[in-house]
Amino acid sequence: MSPRTWLACAAAAAATLASAQQPAPPAPAFVAPNLTESGVRAMAANCAICHGTLGRPAQGSALPALAGRPAPALAEALRAFKDGKREATVMQQIAKGYSDAEIEALAGYFARQQR
């Protein structure tokens, strides 16, 4: 092996060893897209199909209004659906798709809406 080749290999090995000893960079700090203001509004728009725009169903609807209800009660109901402790036609499947943070965000969103 020529001295030039040996030197290049040694430099490459040293660089590899040095980079292997570097600590991993910290995880990026960001807000999940669903937890931004616009993300929560987008999730809440899915609820409008049954519960009406901004959580206010059509007058005479058998479905409950979400607007203006206390956030803890809404979050508790969503968790009960998610855990299968509360019976429903479709809410159990829908609630399973939300994380705990998304449930809290949705509950807060509907609690802030005017009845």
Protein backbone atom coordinates (compact mmCIF):
# COMPACT_ATOMS: atom_id res chain seq x y z
CA MET A 1 0.00 0.00 0.00
CA SER A 2 1.40 3.36 -0.96
CA PRO A 3 1.92 5.98 1.74
CA ARG A 4 -0.68 8.21 0.09
CA THR A 5 -3.34 5.42 0.09
CA TRP A 6 -2.48 4.48 3.66
CA LEU A 7 -2.79 8.13 4.76
CA ALA A 8 -6.18 8.48 3.03
CA CYS A 9 -7.46 5.30 4.72
CA ALA A 10 -6.20 6.44 8.11
CA ALA A 11 -7.87 9.84 7.69
CA ALA A 12 -11.15 8.21 6.69
CA ALA A 13 -10.99 5.85 9.68
CA ALA A 14 -10.24 8.73 12.05
CA ALA A 15 -13.17 10.76 10.67
CA THR A 16 -15.49 7.77 11.03
CA LEU A 17 -14.33 7.17 14.60
CA ALA A 18 -14.74 10.86 15.49
CA SER A 19 -18.26 11.04 14.08
CA ALA A 20 -19.24 7.79 15.81
CA GLN A 21 -18.34 9.33 19.18
CA GLN A 22 -20.50 12.43 18.66
CA PRO A 23 -23.72 12.46 20.70
CA ALA A 24 -26.91 12.17 18.70
CA PRO A 25 -28.51 15.53 18.00
CA PRO A 26 -31.53 16.33 20.15
CA ALA A 27 -34.97 15.54 18.77
CA PRO A 28 -36.51 18.56 17.05
CA ALA A 29 -38.90 20.56 19.18
CA PHE A 30 -42.10 21.12 17.24
CA VAL A 31 -45.84 20.97 17.68
CA ALA A 32 -47.56 18.08 16.00
CA PRO A 33 -49.58 19.42 13.05
CA ASN A 34 -52.87 18.29 14.60
CA LEU A 35 -52.21 20.33 17.74
CA THR A 36 -51.76 23.67 16.05
CA GLU A 37 -54.78 25.97 15.99
CA SER A 38 -55.49 25.17 12.34
CA GLY A 39 -54.90 21.46 12.94
CA VAL A 40 -57.45 21.33 15.75
CA ARG A 41 -59.96 23.22 13.60
CA ALA A 42 -59.40 20.67 10.84
CA MET A 43 -59.99 17.78 13.24
CA ALA A 44 -63.11 19.50 14.59
CA ALA A 45 -64.44 19.92 11.04
CA ASN A 46 -64.71 16.13 10.88
CA CYS A 47 -67.17 16.28 13.78
CA ALA A 48 -69.45 18.66 11.85
CA ILE A 49 -70.83 15.80 9.76
CA CYS A 50 -72.82 14.60 12.75
CA HIS A 51 -72.55 17.28 15.44
CA GLY A 52 -72.95 20.33 13.21
CA THR A 53 -70.72 23.23 12.33
CA LEU A 54 -68.70 24.34 15.38
CA GLY A 55 -70.40 21.60 17.41
CA ARG A 56 -73.94 22.95 16.99
CA PRO A 57 -76.18 20.31 15.38
CA ALA A 58 -79.31 21.20 13.46
CA GLN A 59 -82.30 22.03 15.62
CA GLY A 60 -84.23 18.89 16.51
CA SER A 61 -81.23 16.62 15.97
CA ALA A 62 -80.91 13.62 18.27
CA LEU A 63 -77.14 14.14 18.39
CA PRO A 64 -75.72 16.15 21.28
CA ALA A 65 -74.27 19.61 20.87
CA LEU A 66 -70.56 19.84 21.60
CA ALA A 67 -70.31 23.64 21.63
CA GLY A 68 -69.99 25.18 25.05
CA ARG A 69 -69.82 21.92 26.97
CA PRO A 70 -67.12 21.72 29.65
CA ALA A 71 -63.80 20.50 28.25
CA PRO A 72 -63.31 17.85 31.00
CA ALA A 73 -66.70 16.31 30.22
CA LEU A 74 -66.01 16.22 26.48
CA ALA A 75 -62.56 14.69 27.00
CA GLU A 76 -63.98 12.10 29.40
CA ALA A 77 -66.68 11.13 26.88
CA LEU A 78 -64.14 10.79 24.05
CA ARG A 79 -61.88 8.62 26.22
CA ALA A 80 -64.84 6.44 27.20
CA PHE A 81 -65.63 5.93 23.50
CA LYS A 82 -61.97 5.24 22.75
CA ASP A 83 -61.69 2.68 25.56
CA GLY A 84 -64.95 0.98 24.57
CA LYS A 85 -66.61 1.91 27.88
CA ARG A 86 -69.33 3.98 26.21
CA GLU A 87 -71.53 2.49 23.51
CA ALA A 88 -72.12 4.27 20.21
CA THR A 89 -72.69 3.53 16.56
CA VAL A 90 -69.49 5.10 15.17
CA MET A 91 -67.88 7.17 17.93
CA GLN A 92 -65.86 4.25 19.29
CA GLN A 93 -64.06 3.87 15.98
CA ILE A 94 -63.62 7.59 15.49
CA ALA A 95 -62.24 8.16 19.01
CA LYS A 96 -59.69 5.37 18.59
CA GLY A 97 -57.98 7.52 15.97
CA TYR A 98 -57.18 10.33 18.41
CA SER A 99 -54.23 10.57 20.77
CA ASP A 100 -54.77 11.80 24.33
CA ALA A 101 -53.32 15.19 23.35
CA GLU A 102 -55.70 15.44 20.38
CA ILE A 103 -58.66 14.54 22.62
CA GLU A 104 -57.70 17.32 25.04
CA ALA A 105 -57.28 19.79 22.16
CA LEU A 106 -60.66 18.91 20.65
CA ALA A 107 -62.39 19.13 24.02
CA GLY A 108 -60.90 22.58 24.59
CA TYR A 109 -61.87 23.72 21.11
CA PHE A 110 -65.54 22.76 21.49
CA ALA A 111 -65.69 24.12 25.04
CA ARG A 112 -64.69 27.56 23.67
CA GLN A 113 -67.47 27.59 21.05
CA GLN A 114 -70.68 29.52 21.74
CA ARG A 115 -73.78 27.38 22.17
